[in-house]
Amino acid sequence: MTKGQRADDGPISVEVEQGKSYYWCSCGKSSKQPFCDGSHKDTEFSPVAYKTEETKKLFFCVCKQTISHSVMTHITNNN
């Protein structure tokens, strides 16, 4: 499997909303990291859909180097 372009070295913190779908950039070219902006057009990459079940803070990977394309690297409490 080809790996995407490295967008950054660390994860990006995002407050996700319950029931909302998010589309994680797998190519690394998006200007709206960690999410897709369509920059993958004409490549072998496509965004990875994630629908959250609750409102919370998540950390999304932006290195694009993980084989499993794990969208989230860590979940934290809002406390």
C-alpha atoms as a PDB file:
ATOM      1  CA  MET A   1       0.000   0.000   0.000  1.00  0.00           C
ATOM      2  CA  THR A   2       1.313   3.426  -0.912  1.00  0.00           C
ATOM      3  CA  LYS A   3       1.584   5.898   1.916  1.00  0.00           C
ATOM      4  CA  GLY A   4       0.377   9.475   1.662  1.00  0.00           C
ATOM      5  CA  GLN A   5       2.476  12.609   1.745  1.00  0.00           C
ATOM      6  CA  ARG A   6       3.473  13.599   5.286  1.00  0.00           C
ATOM      7  CA  ALA A   7       1.366  16.637   6.260  1.00  0.00           C
ATOM      8  CA  ASP A   8       2.952  17.087   9.709  1.00  0.00           C
ATOM      9  CA  ASP A   9       4.663  15.071  12.426  1.00  0.00           C
ATOM     10  CA  GLY A  10       2.091  15.215  15.211  1.00  0.00           C
ATOM     11  CA  PRO A  11      -1.660  14.695  15.458  1.00  0.00           C
ATOM     12  CA  ILE A  12      -4.222  17.512  15.175  1.00  0.00           C
ATOM     13  CA  SER A  13      -6.788  18.016  17.943  1.00  0.00           C
ATOM     14  CA  VAL A  14     -10.397  18.371  16.759  1.00  0.00           C
ATOM     15  CA  GLU A  15     -13.648  18.703  18.707  1.00  0.00           C
ATOM     16  CA  VAL A  16     -15.997  16.328  16.842  1.00  0.00           C
ATOM     17  CA  GLU A  17     -19.787  16.544  17.079  1.00  0.00           C
ATOM     18  CA  GLN A  18     -22.120  13.646  17.790  1.00  0.00           C
ATOM     19  CA  GLY A  19     -23.641  12.128  14.647  1.00  0.00           C
ATOM     20  CA  LYS A  20     -21.496  14.153  12.244  1.00  0.00           C
ATOM     21  CA  SER A  21     -19.400  12.490   9.531  1.00  0.00           C
ATOM     22  CA  TYR A  22     -15.793  13.509   8.958  1.00  0.00           C
ATOM     23  CA  TYR A  23     -13.568  12.622   6.008  1.00  0.00           C
ATOM     24  CA  TRP A  24      -9.923  12.156   6.964  1.00  0.00           C
ATOM     25  CA  CYS A  25      -7.339  13.046   4.307  1.00  0.00           C
ATOM     26  CA  SER A  26      -5.295   9.955   3.409  1.00  0.00           C
ATOM     27  CA  CYS A  27      -3.150  11.550   0.666  1.00  0.00           C
ATOM     28  CA  GLY A  28      -1.610  14.298   2.833  1.00  0.00           C
ATOM     29  CA  LYS A  29      -2.166  17.023   0.218  1.00  0.00           C
ATOM     30  CA  SER A  30      -5.267  18.644   1.723  1.00  0.00           C
ATOM     31  CA  SER A  31      -4.958  22.270   2.835  1.00  0.00           C
ATOM     32  CA  LYS A  32      -7.677  21.539   5.444  1.00  0.00           C
ATOM     33  CA  GLN A  33      -5.739  18.949   7.496  1.00  0.00           C
ATOM     34  CA  PRO A  34      -6.658  16.575   8.940  1.00  0.00           C
ATOM     35  CA  PHE A  35      -9.686  16.506   6.659  1.00  0.00           C
ATOM     36  CA  CYS A  36     -10.122  16.048   2.923  1.00  0.00           C
ATOM     37  CA  ASP A  37     -10.459  19.007   0.553  1.00  0.00           C
ATOM     38  CA  GLY A  38     -10.478  16.962  -2.678  1.00  0.00           C
ATOM     39  CA  SER A  39      -6.736  17.277  -3.355  1.00  0.00           C
ATOM     40  CA  HIS A  40      -6.541  13.506  -3.873  1.00  0.00           C
ATOM     41  CA  LYS A  41      -8.310  13.813  -7.242  1.00  0.00           C
ATOM     42  CA  ASP A  42      -6.469  11.833  -9.929  1.00  0.00           C
ATOM     43  CA  THR A  43      -4.489   9.861  -7.321  1.00  0.00           C
ATOM     44  CA  GLU A  44      -4.897   6.382  -5.835  1.00  0.00           C
ATOM     45  CA  PHE A  45      -6.035   7.889  -2.520  1.00  0.00           C
ATOM     46  CA  SER A  46      -9.521   8.501  -1.196  1.00  0.00           C
ATOM     47  CA  PRO A  47     -10.745   9.998   2.092  1.00  0.00           C
ATOM     48  CA  VAL A  48     -11.518   7.769   5.066  1.00  0.00           C
ATOM     49  CA  ALA A  49     -15.010   8.314   6.495  1.00  0.00           C
ATOM     50  CA  TYR A  50     -15.479   8.558  10.249  1.00  0.00           C
ATOM     51  CA  LYS A  51     -18.830   9.125  11.992  1.00  0.00           C
ATOM     52  CA  THR A  52     -18.648  10.030  15.650  1.00  0.00           C
ATOM     53  CA  GLU A  53     -21.078   8.640  18.185  1.00  0.00           C
ATOM     54  CA  GLU A  54     -20.528  11.394  20.747  1.00  0.00           C
ATOM     55  CA  THR A  55     -19.217  14.934  20.999  1.00  0.00           C
ATOM     56  CA  LYS A  56     -15.604  14.813  22.205  1.00  0.00           C
ATOM     57  CA  LYS A  57     -12.041  15.839  21.461  1.00  0.00           C
ATOM     58  CA  LEU A  58     -10.099  13.531  19.155  1.00  0.00           C
ATOM     59  CA  PHE A  59      -6.570  13.658  17.799  1.00  0.00           C
ATOM     60  CA  PHE A  60      -6.375  12.868  14.082  1.00  0.00           C
ATOM     61  CA  CYS A  61      -3.176  11.540  12.520  1.00  0.00           C
ATOM     62  CA  VAL A  62      -1.561  13.753   9.877  1.00  0.00           C
ATOM     63  CA  CYS A  63       1.683  11.854   9.257  1.00  0.00           C
ATOM     64  CA  LYS A  64      -0.153   9.606   6.727  1.00  0.00           C
ATOM     65  CA  GLN A  65       2.480   6.921   7.288  1.00  0.00           C
ATOM     66  CA  THR A  66       0.478   4.341   9.254  1.00  0.00           C
ATOM     67  CA  ILE A  67      -0.296   1.201   7.306  1.00  0.00           C
ATOM     68  CA  SER A  68      -3.731   0.741   8.854  1.00  0.00           C
ATOM     69  CA  HIS A  69      -4.716   4.378   8.155  1.00  0.00           C
ATOM     70  CA  SER A  70      -5.877   4.696  11.727  1.00  0.00           C
ATOM     71  CA  VAL A  71      -7.785   7.959  11.710  1.00  0.00           C
ATOM     72  CA  MET A  72      -7.519   8.739  15.406  1.00  0.00           C
ATOM     73  CA  THR A  73      -4.398   8.483  17.448  1.00  0.00           C
ATOM     74  CA  HIS A  74      -5.847   9.292  20.857  1.00  0.00           C
ATOM     75  CA  ILE A  75      -9.102  10.110  22.598  1.00  0.00           C
ATOM     76  CA  THR A  76      -9.249  12.459  25.595  1.00  0.00           C
ATOM     77  CA  ASN A  77     -11.895  13.546  28.064  1.00  0.00           C
ATOM     78  CA  ASN A  78     -13.219  17.086  27.887  1.00  0.00           C
ATOM     79  CA  ASN A  79     -12.695  17.555  31.647  1.00  0.00           C
END
